[in-house]
Amino acid sequence: MKNILFILLAFLSVSFRLHAQNVIKIGIIGLDTSHSTAFTELLNGDSDDEFVKEFEVVAAYPYGSKTIQSSYERIPGYIEEVKKHGVEITSSIAELLDKVDCVMLETNDGRIHLEQAMEVFKSGKICYIDKPVGATLGQAIAIYEMAEKYNVPIFSSSALRYSPQNQKLRKGEFGKILGADCYSPHKVEPTHPDFGFYGIHGVETLYTLMGTGCASVNRMSSKEADVVVGRWKDGRIGTFRGIKEGPSIYGGTAYTSKEAIPAGGYAGYKVLLDQILKFFKTGVAPISKEETIEIFTFMKASNMSKEQNGKIVSMEEAYQEGLKDARKLIKSYK
């Protein structure tokens, strides 16, 4: 009987070690956003999804914004939340990188993404960077260029992109998209340029439907909302409405060659997590660098238009301004 028990325990021990070896270990940087706890719960919870079971969040570095109150106040509570799921809290990014295979950079403050991402890039670990990839267009360009320098695959996205309805529209299942009007809340955060902190959700929805190729932008603002109109190179027109007063809603309308179709809203974090995990397995980013950079160019052009009382601003002019800033940032890392 003792021999049978010994053999059983030995088998279970070997099985556990094999399982532990096969699990892809994820590290999270930044416990100042609900995304961190949501992803941890989905990955380390009791999911019966066999693909999800291939991954585990094993470590987290909690910091994090130090100046955005709504972010840094969350950190103590979120530390305790992830610890309940077996996550080790590290004292530095370097310590975290020694323990993981891949990284989710979740810090809510886009201004420190470049600094934190550089540590990840130098380690060679594959990295998902939550939106916004950077606080500004210049930072976004710099992050992608430095990732390429260190040959590290990255991508960044809002969960709104992967609403099933938006993916159907993007794939042309309802016909060719001739234009789109999209909306999301626009919560002003003084530390970030307009739309970069929160309005990016609706801008990303617009780009999910329209794709790249916007040529020029102009913007009208009021106390209640901001409306940005983009004209694409092929003549299509897309708009983004940033809602400052009223309900926190996400969605829009796509105008197709067949009919007007409602765009998808928020459909939970699992749809985005599935894409992140596929990315960690394949190293292939599901969204191009060019599309993400154009989203930031669109937002910068809209801000330039606002500063000029609604004047039409070319995307090329906005991009060149961002590129100047990126060159200064990149130079500081050489």
C-alpha atoms as a PDB file:
ATOM      1  CA  MET A   1       0.000   0.000   0.000  1.00  0.00           C
ATOM      2  CA  LYS A   2       2.856   2.337   0.927  1.00  0.00           C
ATOM      3  CA  ASN A   3       4.555   1.549  -2.380  1.00  0.00           C
ATOM      4  CA  ILE A   4       1.386   2.395  -4.307  1.00  0.00           C
ATOM      5  CA  LEU A   5       1.010   5.673  -2.388  1.00  0.00           C
ATOM      6  CA  PHE A   6       4.669   6.533  -3.031  1.00  0.00           C
ATOM      7  CA  ILE A   7       4.298   5.852  -6.762  1.00  0.00           C
ATOM      8  CA  LEU A   8       1.120   7.953  -6.899  1.00  0.00           C
ATOM      9  CA  LEU A   9       2.772  10.876  -5.121  1.00  0.00           C
ATOM     10  CA  ALA A  10       5.809  10.614  -7.382  1.00  0.00           C
ATOM     11  CA  PHE A  11       3.571  10.632 -10.464  1.00  0.00           C
ATOM     12  CA  LEU A  12       1.681  13.680  -9.223  1.00  0.00           C
ATOM     13  CA  SER A  13       4.964  15.451  -8.449  1.00  0.00           C
ATOM     14  CA  VAL A  14       6.317  14.781 -11.959  1.00  0.00           C
ATOM     15  CA  SER A  15       3.010  15.826 -13.528  1.00  0.00           C
ATOM     16  CA  PHE A  16       3.057  19.069 -11.547  1.00  0.00           C
ATOM     17  CA  ARG A  17       6.621  19.842 -12.617  1.00  0.00           C
ATOM     18  CA  LEU A  18       5.832  19.138 -16.255  1.00  0.00           C
ATOM     19  CA  HIS A  19       2.778  21.347 -16.031  1.00  0.00           C
ATOM     20  CA  ALA A  20       4.809  24.125 -14.418  1.00  0.00           C
ATOM     21  CA  GLN A  21       7.457  23.834 -17.147  1.00  0.00           C
ATOM     22  CA  ASN A  22       4.865  24.053 -19.925  1.00  0.00           C
ATOM     23  CA  VAL A  23       3.080  27.103 -18.549  1.00  0.00           C
ATOM     24  CA  ILE A  24       4.071  30.383 -20.183  1.00  0.00           C
ATOM     25  CA  LYS A  25       4.874  32.795 -17.364  1.00  0.00           C
ATOM     26  CA  ILE A  26       3.505  36.335 -17.647  1.00  0.00           C
ATOM     27  CA  GLY A  27       4.674  39.377 -15.720  1.00  0.00           C
ATOM     28  CA  ILE A  28       2.554  42.503 -15.262  1.00  0.00           C
ATOM     29  CA  ILE A  29       4.044  45.985 -14.944  1.00  0.00           C
ATOM     30  CA  GLY A  30       1.626  48.436 -13.335  1.00  0.00           C
ATOM     31  CA  LEU A  31      -1.117  47.646 -10.833  1.00  0.00           C
ATOM     32  CA  ASP A  32      -2.773  51.054 -11.171  1.00  0.00           C
ATOM     33  CA  THR A  33      -5.465  49.962 -13.644  1.00  0.00           C
ATOM     34  CA  SER A  34      -8.398  47.574 -13.459  1.00  0.00           C
ATOM     35  CA  HIS A  35      -7.016  45.864 -16.577  1.00  0.00           C
ATOM     36  CA  SER A  36      -4.263  44.300 -14.446  1.00  0.00           C
ATOM     37  CA  THR A  37      -6.673  42.631 -12.043  1.00  0.00           C
ATOM     38  CA  ALA A  38      -9.088  41.667 -14.822  1.00  0.00           C
ATOM     39  CA  PHE A  39      -6.374  39.925 -16.850  1.00  0.00           C
ATOM     40  CA  THR A  40      -4.997  38.217 -13.729  1.00  0.00           C
ATOM     41  CA  GLU A  41      -8.413  36.876 -12.792  1.00  0.00           C
ATOM     42  CA  LEU A  42      -9.032  35.597 -16.310  1.00  0.00           C
ATOM     43  CA  LEU A  43      -5.630  33.891 -16.458  1.00  0.00           C
ATOM     44  CA  ASN A  44      -5.218  32.589 -12.905  1.00  0.00           C
ATOM     45  CA  GLY A  45      -8.862  31.914 -12.127  1.00  0.00           C
ATOM     46  CA  ASP A  46     -10.823  28.728 -12.691  1.00  0.00           C
ATOM     47  CA  SER A  47     -11.274  29.110 -16.452  1.00  0.00           C
ATOM     48  CA  ASP A  48     -11.918  25.880 -18.365  1.00  0.00           C
ATOM     49  CA  ASP A  49     -10.450  27.417 -21.537  1.00  0.00           C
ATOM     50  CA  GLU A  50      -7.589  25.072 -22.488  1.00  0.00           C
ATOM     51  CA  PHE A  51      -5.685  27.835 -24.285  1.00  0.00           C
ATOM     52  CA  VAL A  52      -5.868  30.162 -21.274  1.00  0.00           C
ATOM     53  CA  LYS A  53      -4.540  27.345 -19.075  1.00  0.00           C
ATOM     54  CA  GLU A  54      -1.262  27.495 -21.005  1.00  0.00           C
ATOM     55  CA  PHE A  55      -0.491  30.844 -19.352  1.00  0.00           C
ATOM     56  CA  GLU A  56      -0.180  32.187 -15.830  1.00  0.00           C
ATOM     57  CA  VAL A  57       0.544  35.566 -14.278  1.00  0.00           C
ATOM     58  CA  VAL A  58       3.392  34.774 -11.883  1.00  0.00           C
ATOM     59  CA  ALA A  59       4.772  38.208 -10.962  1.00  0.00           C
ATOM     60  CA  ALA A  60       3.818  41.876 -10.923  1.00  0.00           C
ATOM     61  CA  TYR A  61       5.677  45.133 -10.420  1.00  0.00           C
ATOM     62  CA  PRO A  62       2.969  47.455  -9.050  1.00  0.00           C
ATOM     63  CA  TYR A  63       4.169  50.930 -10.094  1.00  0.00           C
ATOM     64  CA  GLY A  64       2.499  52.645 -11.699  1.00  0.00           C
ATOM     65  CA  SER A  65       1.543  56.260 -11.975  1.00  0.00           C
ATOM     66  CA  LYS A  66       2.871  58.470  -9.227  1.00  0.00           C
ATOM     67  CA  THR A  67       0.948  61.610 -10.178  1.00  0.00           C
ATOM     68  CA  ILE A  68      -2.500  60.581 -11.475  1.00  0.00           C
ATOM     69  CA  GLN A  69      -4.497  60.242  -8.266  1.00  0.00           C
ATOM     70  CA  SER A  70      -7.238  58.038  -9.701  1.00  0.00           C
ATOM     71  CA  SER A  71      -4.485  55.601 -10.719  1.00  0.00           C
ATOM     72  CA  TYR A  72      -2.010  55.524  -7.840  1.00  0.00           C
ATOM     73  CA  GLU A  73      -4.743  55.245  -5.206  1.00  0.00           C
ATOM     74  CA  ARG A  74      -5.692  51.876  -6.674  1.00  0.00           C
ATOM     75  CA  ILE A  75      -2.276  50.287  -6.243  1.00  0.00           C
ATOM     76  CA  PRO A  76      -2.495  49.036  -2.606  1.00  0.00           C
ATOM     77  CA  GLY A  77      -5.854  47.368  -3.208  1.00  0.00           C
ATOM     78  CA  TYR A  78      -4.803  45.844  -6.520  1.00  0.00           C
ATOM     79  CA  ILE A  79      -1.629  44.445  -4.933  1.00  0.00           C
ATOM     80  CA  GLU A  80      -3.770  42.501  -2.475  1.00  0.00           C
ATOM     81  CA  GLU A  81      -6.149  41.455  -5.261  1.00  0.00           C
ATOM     82  CA  VAL A  82      -3.476  39.843  -7.448  1.00  0.00           C
ATOM     83  CA  LYS A  83      -1.746  38.237  -4.473  1.00  0.00           C
ATOM     84  CA  LYS A  84      -4.964  36.272  -3.903  1.00  0.00           C
ATOM     85  CA  HIS A  85      -4.296  34.693  -7.302  1.00  0.00           C
ATOM     86  CA  GLY A  86      -0.770  33.609  -6.372  1.00  0.00           C
ATOM     87  CA  VAL A  87       1.058  36.500  -8.012  1.00  0.00           C
ATOM     88  CA  GLU A  88       4.436  37.475  -6.541  1.00  0.00           C
ATOM     89  CA  ILE A  89       5.007  41.218  -6.068  1.00  0.00           C
ATOM     90  CA  THR A  90       8.480  42.330  -7.156  1.00  0.00           C
ATOM     91  CA  SER A  91      10.456  45.388  -6.051  1.00  0.00           C
ATOM     92  CA  SER A  92      11.678  46.263  -9.539  1.00  0.00           C
ATOM     93  CA  ILE A  93      11.064  45.629 -13.239  1.00  0.00           C
ATOM     94  CA  ALA A  94      14.466  43.923 -13.418  1.00  0.00           C
ATOM     95  CA  GLU A  95      13.412  41.440 -10.738  1.00  0.00           C
ATOM     96  CA  LEU A  96      10.156  40.765 -12.573  1.00  0.00           C
ATOM     97  CA  LEU A  97      11.946  40.135 -15.871  1.00  0.00           C
ATOM     98  CA  ASP A  98      14.056  37.401 -14.292  1.00  0.00           C
ATOM     99  CA  LYS A  99      10.893  35.451 -13.452  1.00  0.00           C
ATOM    100  CA  VAL A 100       8.787  35.675 -16.626  1.00  0.00           C
ATOM    101  CA  ASP A 101       8.653  34.745 -20.313  1.00  0.00           C
ATOM    102  CA  CYS A 102       6.559  37.682 -21.531  1.00  0.00           C
ATOM    103  CA  VAL A 103       5.215  40.994 -20.263  1.00  0.00           C
ATOM    104  CA  MET A 104       1.990  42.944 -20.081  1.00  0.00           C
ATOM    105  CA  LEU A 105       2.887  46.611 -19.594  1.00  0.00           C
ATOM    106  CA  GLU A 106      -0.312  47.854 -17.967  1.00  0.00           C
ATOM    107  CA  THR A 107       0.776  51.105 -16.288  1.00  0.00           C
ATOM    108  CA  ASN A 108      -2.128  53.516 -16.658  1.00  0.00           C
ATOM    109  CA  ASP A 109       0.146  56.524 -17.181  1.00  0.00           C
ATOM    110  CA  GLY A 110       1.306  56.549 -20.786  1.00  0.00           C
ATOM    111  CA  ARG A 111       4.028  59.098 -19.996  1.00  0.00           C
ATOM    112  CA  ILE A 112       6.227  56.453 -18.329  1.00  0.00           C
ATOM    113  CA  HIS A 113       5.652  53.657 -20.853  1.00  0.00           C
ATOM    114  CA  LEU A 114       8.822  54.425 -22.826  1.00  0.00           C
ATOM    115  CA  GLU A 115      11.016  54.331 -19.721  1.00  0.00           C
ATOM    116  CA  GLN A 116       9.455  51.081 -18.499  1.00  0.00           C
ATOM    117  CA  ALA A 117       9.327  49.494 -21.949  1.00  0.00           C
ATOM    118  CA  MET A 118      13.044  50.110 -22.476  1.00  0.00           C
ATOM    119  CA  GLU A 119      13.852  47.739 -19.611  1.00  0.00           C
ATOM    120  CA  VAL A 120      11.670  45.096 -21.229  1.00  0.00           C
ATOM    121  CA  PHE A 121      13.163  45.633 -24.691  1.00  0.00           C
ATOM    122  CA  LYS A 122      16.714  45.244 -23.380  1.00  0.00           C
ATOM    123  CA  SER A 123      15.709  41.898 -21.847  1.00  0.00           C
ATOM    124  CA  GLY A 124      14.391  40.668 -25.205  1.00  0.00           C
ATOM    125  CA  LYS A 125      11.015  39.660 -23.705  1.00  0.00           C
ATOM    126  CA  ILE A 126       7.937  39.905 -25.917  1.00  0.00           C
ATOM    127  CA  CYS A 127       5.632  42.690 -24.690  1.00  0.00           C
ATOM    128  CA  TYR A 128       2.007  43.782 -24.920  1.00  0.00           C
ATOM    129  CA  ILE A 129       1.583  47.486 -24.081  1.00  0.00           C
ATOM    130  CA  ASP A 130      -1.877  48.518 -22.970  1.00  0.00           C
ATOM    131  CA  LYS A 131      -3.385  51.671 -24.395  1.00  0.00           C
ATOM    132  CA  PRO A 132      -2.176  54.298 -24.713  1.00  0.00           C
ATOM    133  CA  VAL A 133       1.095  52.898 -26.036  1.00  0.00           C
ATOM    134  CA  GLY A 134       2.542  56.299 -25.087  1.00  0.00           C
ATOM    135  CA  ALA A 135       1.099  59.588 -23.891  1.00  0.00           C
ATOM    136  CA  THR A 136       2.010  61.404 -27.114  1.00  0.00           C
ATOM    137  CA  LEU A 137       2.576  60.660 -30.780  1.00  0.00           C
ATOM    138  CA  GLY A 138       6.306  61.241 -30.278  1.00  0.00           C
ATOM    139  CA  GLN A 139       6.439  58.698 -27.474  1.00  0.00           C
ATOM    140  CA  ALA A 140       4.453  56.177 -29.519  1.00  0.00           C
ATOM    141  CA  ILE A 141       6.864  56.496 -32.464  1.00  0.00           C
ATOM    142  CA  ALA A 142       9.868  56.221 -30.138  1.00  0.00           C
ATOM    143  CA  ILE A 143       8.506  53.080 -28.450  1.00  0.00           C
ATOM    144  CA  TYR A 144       7.992  51.293 -31.755  1.00  0.00           C
ATOM    145  CA  GLU A 145      11.405  52.317 -33.067  1.00  0.00           C
ATOM    146  CA  MET A 146      13.179  51.174 -29.906  1.00  0.00           C
ATOM    147  CA  ALA A 147      11.261  47.874 -29.960  1.00  0.00           C
ATOM    148  CA  GLU A 148      12.500  47.333 -33.514  1.00  0.00           C
ATOM    149  CA  LYS A 149      16.060  48.225 -32.488  1.00  0.00           C
ATOM    150  CA  TYR A 150      16.001  45.457 -29.855  1.00  0.00           C
ATOM    151  CA  ASN A 151      14.010  43.114 -32.125  1.00  0.00           C
ATOM    152  CA  VAL A 152      11.176  42.796 -29.592  1.00  0.00           C
ATOM    153  CA  PRO A 153       7.634  42.207 -30.926  1.00  0.00           C
ATOM    154  CA  ILE A 154       5.021  44.558 -29.422  1.00  0.00           C
ATOM    155  CA  PHE A 155       1.461  45.618 -29.972  1.00  0.00           C
ATOM    156  CA  SER A 156      -1.070  47.853 -28.264  1.00  0.00           C
ATOM    157  CA  SER A 157      -4.851  47.911 -28.358  1.00  0.00           C
ATOM    158  CA  SER A 158      -8.082  48.742 -26.611  1.00  0.00           C
ATOM    159  CA  ALA A 159     -10.587  45.943 -26.014  1.00  0.00           C
ATOM    160  CA  LEU A 160     -13.078  47.870 -28.186  1.00  0.00           C
ATOM    161  CA  ARG A 161     -11.217  46.776 -31.314  1.00  0.00           C
ATOM    162  CA  TYR A 162     -12.052  43.145 -30.627  1.00  0.00           C
ATOM    163  CA  SER A 163     -15.762  43.509 -30.061  1.00  0.00           C
ATOM    164  CA  PRO A 164     -17.109  40.656 -32.250  1.00  0.00           C
ATOM    165  CA  GLN A 165     -19.304  43.094 -34.176  1.00  0.00           C
ATOM    166  CA  ASN A 166     -16.358  45.366 -34.953  1.00  0.00           C
ATOM    167  CA  GLN A 167     -14.304  42.424 -36.192  1.00  0.00           C
ATOM    168  CA  LYS A 168     -17.136  41.359 -38.500  1.00  0.00           C
ATOM    169  CA  LEU A 169     -17.342  44.881 -39.880  1.00  0.00           C
ATOM    170  CA  ARG A 170     -13.581  45.047 -40.375  1.00  0.00           C
ATOM    171  CA  LYS A 171     -13.623  41.763 -42.292  1.00  0.00           C
ATOM    172  CA  GLY A 172     -16.295  43.105 -44.640  1.00  0.00           C
ATOM    173  CA  GLU A 173     -19.045  40.712 -43.571  1.00  0.00           C
ATOM    174  CA  PHE A 174     -21.644  43.492 -43.915  1.00  0.00           C
ATOM    175  CA  GLY A 175     -20.230  44.942 -47.107  1.00  0.00           C
ATOM    176  CA  LYS A 176     -17.566  47.508 -47.937  1.00  0.00           C
ATOM    177  CA  ILE A 177     -17.369  50.304 -45.368  1.00  0.00           C
ATOM    178  CA  LEU A 178     -17.940  53.678 -46.994  1.00  0.00           C
ATOM    179  CA  GLY A 179     -17.734  55.713 -43.775  1.00  0.00           C
ATOM    180  CA  ALA A 180     -18.263  55.517 -40.025  1.00  0.00           C
ATOM    181  CA  ASP A 181     -19.292  57.602 -37.013  1.00  0.00           C
ATOM    182  CA  CYS A 182     -17.926  56.348 -33.682  1.00  0.00           C
ATOM    183  CA  TYR A 183     -18.163  57.540 -30.102  1.00  0.00           C
ATOM    184  CA  SER A 184     -16.808  56.902 -26.628  1.00  0.00           C
ATOM    185  CA  PRO A 185     -16.384  58.809 -23.361  1.00  0.00           C
ATOM    186  CA  HIS A 186     -13.735  61.524 -23.393  1.00  0.00           C
ATOM    187  CA  LYS A 187     -12.472  61.894 -19.829  1.00  0.00           C
ATOM    188  CA  VAL A 188     -10.015  64.769 -19.812  1.00  0.00           C
ATOM    189  CA  GLU A 189      -6.711  63.941 -18.082  1.00  0.00           C
ATOM    190  CA  PRO A 190      -4.488  67.054 -17.903  1.00  0.00           C
ATOM    191  CA  THR A 191      -1.267  65.000 -17.978  1.00  0.00           C
ATOM    192  CA  HIS A 192      -2.078  63.582 -21.432  1.00  0.00           C
ATOM    193  CA  PRO A 193      -2.971  65.274 -24.737  1.00  0.00           C
ATOM    194  CA  ASP A 194      -6.690  65.182 -25.539  1.00  0.00           C
ATOM    195  CA  PHE A 195      -8.081  61.704 -26.360  1.00  0.00           C
ATOM    196  CA  GLY A 196      -4.776  59.971 -25.529  1.00  0.00           C
ATOM    197  CA  PHE A 197      -5.864  58.890 -22.054  1.00  0.00           C
ATOM    198  CA  TYR A 198      -9.469  57.799 -22.674  1.00  0.00           C
ATOM    199  CA  GLY A 199     -10.968  59.038 -25.928  1.00  0.00           C
ATOM    200  CA  ILE A 200      -8.595  56.639 -27.666  1.00  0.00           C
ATOM    201  CA  HIS A 201     -11.274  53.943 -27.178  1.00  0.00           C
ATOM    202  CA  GLY A 202     -13.558  55.567 -29.729  1.00  0.00           C
ATOM    203  CA  VAL A 203     -10.728  56.525 -32.078  1.00  0.00           C
ATOM    204  CA  GLU A 204      -9.602  52.898 -32.090  1.00  0.00           C
ATOM    205  CA  THR A 205     -13.149  51.796 -32.917  1.00  0.00           C
ATOM    206  CA  LEU A 206     -13.131  54.232 -35.843  1.00  0.00           C
ATOM    207  CA  TYR A 207      -9.823  52.833 -37.131  1.00  0.00           C
ATOM    208  CA  THR A 208     -10.978  49.255 -36.659  1.00  0.00           C
ATOM    209  CA  LEU A 209     -13.805  50.011 -39.091  1.00  0.00           C
ATOM    210  CA  MET A 210     -12.111  52.431 -41.487  1.00  0.00           C
ATOM    211  CA  GLY A 211      -8.541  51.154 -41.546  1.00  0.00           C
ATOM    212  CA  THR A 212      -5.564  53.387 -42.271  1.00  0.00           C
ATOM    213  CA  GLY A 213      -5.296  56.127 -44.873  1.00  0.00           C
ATOM    214  CA  CYS A 214      -6.661  59.278 -43.232  1.00  0.00           C
ATOM    215  CA  ALA A 215      -5.322  62.387 -44.994  1.00  0.00           C
ATOM    216  CA  SER A 216      -6.692  65.320 -43.009  1.00  0.00           C
ATOM    217  CA  VAL A 217      -8.592  66.153 -39.831  1.00  0.00           C
ATOM    218  CA  ASN A 218     -10.590  68.964 -38.306  1.00  0.00           C
ATOM    219  CA  ARG A 219     -12.311  69.309 -34.943  1.00  0.00           C
ATOM    220  CA  MET A 220     -15.148  71.170 -33.275  1.00  0.00           C
ATOM    221  CA  SER A 221     -15.356  71.394 -29.472  1.00  0.00           C
ATOM    222  CA  SER A 222     -17.956  72.321 -26.879  1.00  0.00           C
ATOM    223  CA  LYS A 223     -18.562  71.799 -23.174  1.00  0.00           C
ATOM    224  CA  GLU A 224     -20.519  68.601 -23.883  1.00  0.00           C
ATOM    225  CA  ALA A 225     -18.478  66.946 -26.601  1.00  0.00           C
ATOM    226  CA  ASP A 226     -15.676  67.080 -29.143  1.00  0.00           C
ATOM    227  CA  VAL A 227     -16.287  65.967 -32.721  1.00  0.00           C
ATOM    228  CA  VAL A 228     -13.407  65.137 -35.057  1.00  0.00           C
ATOM    229  CA  VAL A 229     -13.918  64.651 -38.786  1.00  0.00           C
ATOM    230  CA  GLY A 230     -11.331  62.739 -40.785  1.00  0.00           C
ATOM    231  CA  ARG A 231     -11.153  62.584 -44.564  1.00  0.00           C
ATOM    232  CA  TRP A 232      -9.473  59.456 -45.911  1.00  0.00           C
ATOM    233  CA  LYS A 233      -7.318  59.497 -49.044  1.00  0.00           C
ATOM    234  CA  ASP A 234      -9.966  57.532 -50.947  1.00  0.00           C
ATOM    235  CA  GLY A 235     -12.621  60.151 -50.148  1.00  0.00           C
ATOM    236  CA  ARG A 236     -14.345  58.321 -47.292  1.00  0.00           C
ATOM    237  CA  ILE A 237     -15.220  60.312 -44.187  1.00  0.00           C
ATOM    238  CA  GLY A 238     -15.086  59.036 -40.603  1.00  0.00           C
ATOM    239  CA  THR A 239     -15.964  60.864 -37.415  1.00  0.00           C
ATOM    240  CA  PHE A 240     -15.190  60.456 -33.727  1.00  0.00           C
ATOM    241  CA  ARG A 241     -17.391  61.961 -31.024  1.00  0.00           C
ATOM    242  CA  GLY A 242     -15.748  62.281 -27.603  1.00  0.00           C
ATOM    243  CA  ILE A 243     -18.506  62.481 -24.994  1.00  0.00           C
ATOM    244  CA  LYS A 244     -17.610  64.755 -22.076  1.00  0.00           C
ATOM    245  CA  GLU A 245     -21.081  65.067 -20.549  1.00  0.00           C
ATOM    246  CA  GLY A 246     -23.732  62.366 -20.532  1.00  0.00           C
ATOM    247  CA  PRO A 247     -23.637  58.569 -20.347  1.00  0.00           C
ATOM    248  CA  SER A 248     -20.388  56.605 -20.644  1.00  0.00           C
ATOM    249  CA  ILE A 249     -21.244  54.733 -23.818  1.00  0.00           C
ATOM    250  CA  TYR A 250     -19.217  53.160 -26.625  1.00  0.00           C
ATOM    251  CA  GLY A 251     -20.297  52.403 -30.167  1.00  0.00           C
ATOM    252  CA  GLY A 252     -21.086  53.958 -33.501  1.00  0.00           C
ATOM    253  CA  THR A 253     -22.479  53.381 -36.967  1.00  0.00           C
ATOM    254  CA  ALA A 254     -20.730  51.941 -40.004  1.00  0.00           C
ATOM    255  CA  TYR A 255     -22.094  52.969 -43.406  1.00  0.00           C
ATOM    256  CA  THR A 256     -21.576  50.057 -45.748  1.00  0.00           C
ATOM    257  CA  SER A 257     -22.286  49.447 -49.415  1.00  0.00           C
ATOM    258  CA  LYS A 258     -25.439  47.624 -48.286  1.00  0.00           C
ATOM    259  CA  GLU A 259     -26.825  49.431 -45.215  1.00  0.00           C
ATOM    260  CA  ALA A 260     -26.028  51.256 -41.982  1.00  0.00           C
ATOM    261  CA  ILE A 261     -24.783  48.820 -39.328  1.00  0.00           C
ATOM    262  CA  PRO A 262     -24.319  49.477 -35.588  1.00  0.00           C
ATOM    263  CA  ALA A 263     -20.711  49.236 -34.443  1.00  0.00           C
ATOM    264  CA  GLY A 264     -19.864  47.085 -31.440  1.00  0.00           C
ATOM    265  CA  GLY A 265     -19.344  48.411 -27.933  1.00  0.00           C
ATOM    266  CA  TYR A 266     -17.444  47.051 -24.967  1.00  0.00           C
ATOM    267  CA  ALA A 267     -17.573  43.231 -24.928  1.00  0.00           C
ATOM    268  CA  GLY A 268     -15.324  42.460 -21.956  1.00  0.00           C
ATOM    269  CA  TYR A 269     -11.562  41.908 -21.702  1.00  0.00           C
ATOM    270  CA  LYS A 270     -11.514  38.247 -22.763  1.00  0.00           C
ATOM    271  CA  VAL A 271     -11.717  39.173 -26.463  1.00  0.00           C
ATOM    272  CA  LEU A 272      -8.557  41.254 -26.100  1.00  0.00           C
ATOM    273  CA  LEU A 273      -6.827  38.725 -23.854  1.00  0.00           C
ATOM    274  CA  ASP A 274      -7.254  36.019 -26.515  1.00  0.00           C
ATOM    275  CA  GLN A 275      -5.342  38.204 -28.972  1.00  0.00           C
ATOM    276  CA  ILE A 276      -2.597  38.951 -26.443  1.00  0.00           C
ATOM    277  CA  LEU A 277      -2.090  35.258 -25.709  1.00  0.00           C
ATOM    278  CA  LYS A 278      -1.924  34.371 -29.421  1.00  0.00           C
ATOM    279  CA  PHE A 279       0.651  37.130 -29.797  1.00  0.00           C
ATOM    280  CA  PHE A 280       2.716  35.706 -26.930  1.00  0.00           C
ATOM    281  CA  LYS A 281       2.675  32.285 -28.628  1.00  0.00           C
ATOM    282  CA  THR A 282       3.421  33.414 -32.182  1.00  0.00           C
ATOM    283  CA  GLY A 283       5.330  36.669 -31.814  1.00  0.00           C
ATOM    284  CA  VAL A 284       3.149  38.096 -34.592  1.00  0.00           C
ATOM    285  CA  ALA A 285       1.410  41.380 -33.727  1.00  0.00           C
ATOM    286  CA  PRO A 286      -2.291  41.389 -34.711  1.00  0.00           C
ATOM    287  CA  ILE A 287      -2.202  45.153 -35.357  1.00  0.00           C
ATOM    288  CA  SER A 288       0.431  46.856 -37.455  1.00  0.00           C
ATOM    289  CA  LYS A 289       2.766  49.516 -36.129  1.00  0.00           C
ATOM    290  CA  GLU A 290       1.503  51.755 -38.937  1.00  0.00           C
ATOM    291  CA  GLU A 291      -2.123  51.586 -37.805  1.00  0.00           C
ATOM    292  CA  THR A 292      -1.318  52.305 -34.167  1.00  0.00           C
ATOM    293  CA  ILE A 293       0.932  55.237 -35.125  1.00  0.00           C
ATOM    294  CA  GLU A 294      -1.806  56.598 -37.376  1.00  0.00           C
ATOM    295  CA  ILE A 295      -4.286  56.504 -34.483  1.00  0.00           C
ATOM    296  CA  PHE A 296      -1.912  58.754 -32.509  1.00  0.00           C
ATOM    297  CA  THR A 297      -1.369  60.974 -35.552  1.00  0.00           C
ATOM    298  CA  PHE A 298      -5.153  61.365 -35.878  1.00  0.00           C
ATOM    299  CA  MET A 299      -5.414  62.425 -32.223  1.00  0.00           C
ATOM    300  CA  LYS A 300      -2.498  64.877 -32.534  1.00  0.00           C
ATOM    301  CA  ALA A 301      -3.941  66.376 -35.729  1.00  0.00           C
ATOM    302  CA  SER A 302      -7.270  66.836 -33.934  1.00  0.00           C
ATOM    303  CA  ASN A 303      -5.526  68.730 -31.126  1.00  0.00           C
ATOM    304  CA  MET A 304      -3.683  70.904 -33.616  1.00  0.00           C
ATOM    305  CA  SER A 305      -7.022  71.658 -35.297  1.00  0.00           C
ATOM    306  CA  LYS A 306      -8.568  72.610 -31.956  1.00  0.00           C
ATOM    307  CA  GLU A 307      -5.677  74.994 -31.251  1.00  0.00           C
ATOM    308  CA  GLN A 308      -6.346  76.615 -34.648  1.00  0.00           C
ATOM    309  CA  ASN A 309     -10.122  77.016 -34.158  1.00  0.00           C
ATOM    310  CA  GLY A 310     -11.122  74.036 -36.268  1.00  0.00           C
ATOM    311  CA  LYS A 311      -8.729  74.512 -39.167  1.00  0.00           C
ATOM    312  CA  ILE A 312      -8.197  71.439 -41.341  1.00  0.00           C
ATOM    313  CA  VAL A 313      -4.836  69.883 -40.442  1.00  0.00           C
ATOM    314  CA  SER A 314      -3.037  67.376 -42.651  1.00  0.00           C
ATOM    315  CA  MET A 315      -2.013  64.093 -41.099  1.00  0.00           C
ATOM    316  CA  GLU A 316       1.447  64.492 -42.620  1.00  0.00           C
ATOM    317  CA  GLU A 317       1.954  67.809 -40.805  1.00  0.00           C
ATOM    318  CA  ALA A 318       0.895  66.232 -37.499  1.00  0.00           C
ATOM    319  CA  TYR A 319       3.125  63.190 -38.060  1.00  0.00           C
ATOM    320  CA  GLN A 320       6.184  65.323 -38.770  1.00  0.00           C
ATOM    321  CA  GLU A 321       5.633  67.196 -35.500  1.00  0.00           C
ATOM    322  CA  GLY A 322       5.455  63.894 -33.629  1.00  0.00           C
ATOM    323  CA  LEU A 323       8.535  62.598 -35.423  1.00  0.00           C
ATOM    324  CA  LYS A 324      10.584  65.586 -34.205  1.00  0.00           C
ATOM    325  CA  ASP A 325       9.615  64.759 -30.622  1.00  0.00           C
ATOM    326  CA  ALA A 326      10.416  61.079 -31.175  1.00  0.00           C
ATOM    327  CA  ARG A 327      13.905  61.877 -32.475  1.00  0.00           C
ATOM    328  CA  LYS A 328      14.690  63.804 -29.262  1.00  0.00           C
ATOM    329  CA  LEU A 329      13.426  60.932 -27.103  1.00  0.00           C
ATOM    330  CA  ILE A 330      15.358  58.292 -29.054  1.00  0.00           C
ATOM    331  CA  LYS A 331      18.533  60.360 -28.882  1.00  0.00           C
ATOM    332  CA  SER A 332      18.351  60.310 -25.080  1.00  0.00           C
ATOM    333  CA  TYR A 333      18.589  56.493 -25.133  1.00  0.00           C
ATOM    334  CA  LYS A 334      21.674  56.323 -27.351  1.00  0.00           C
END
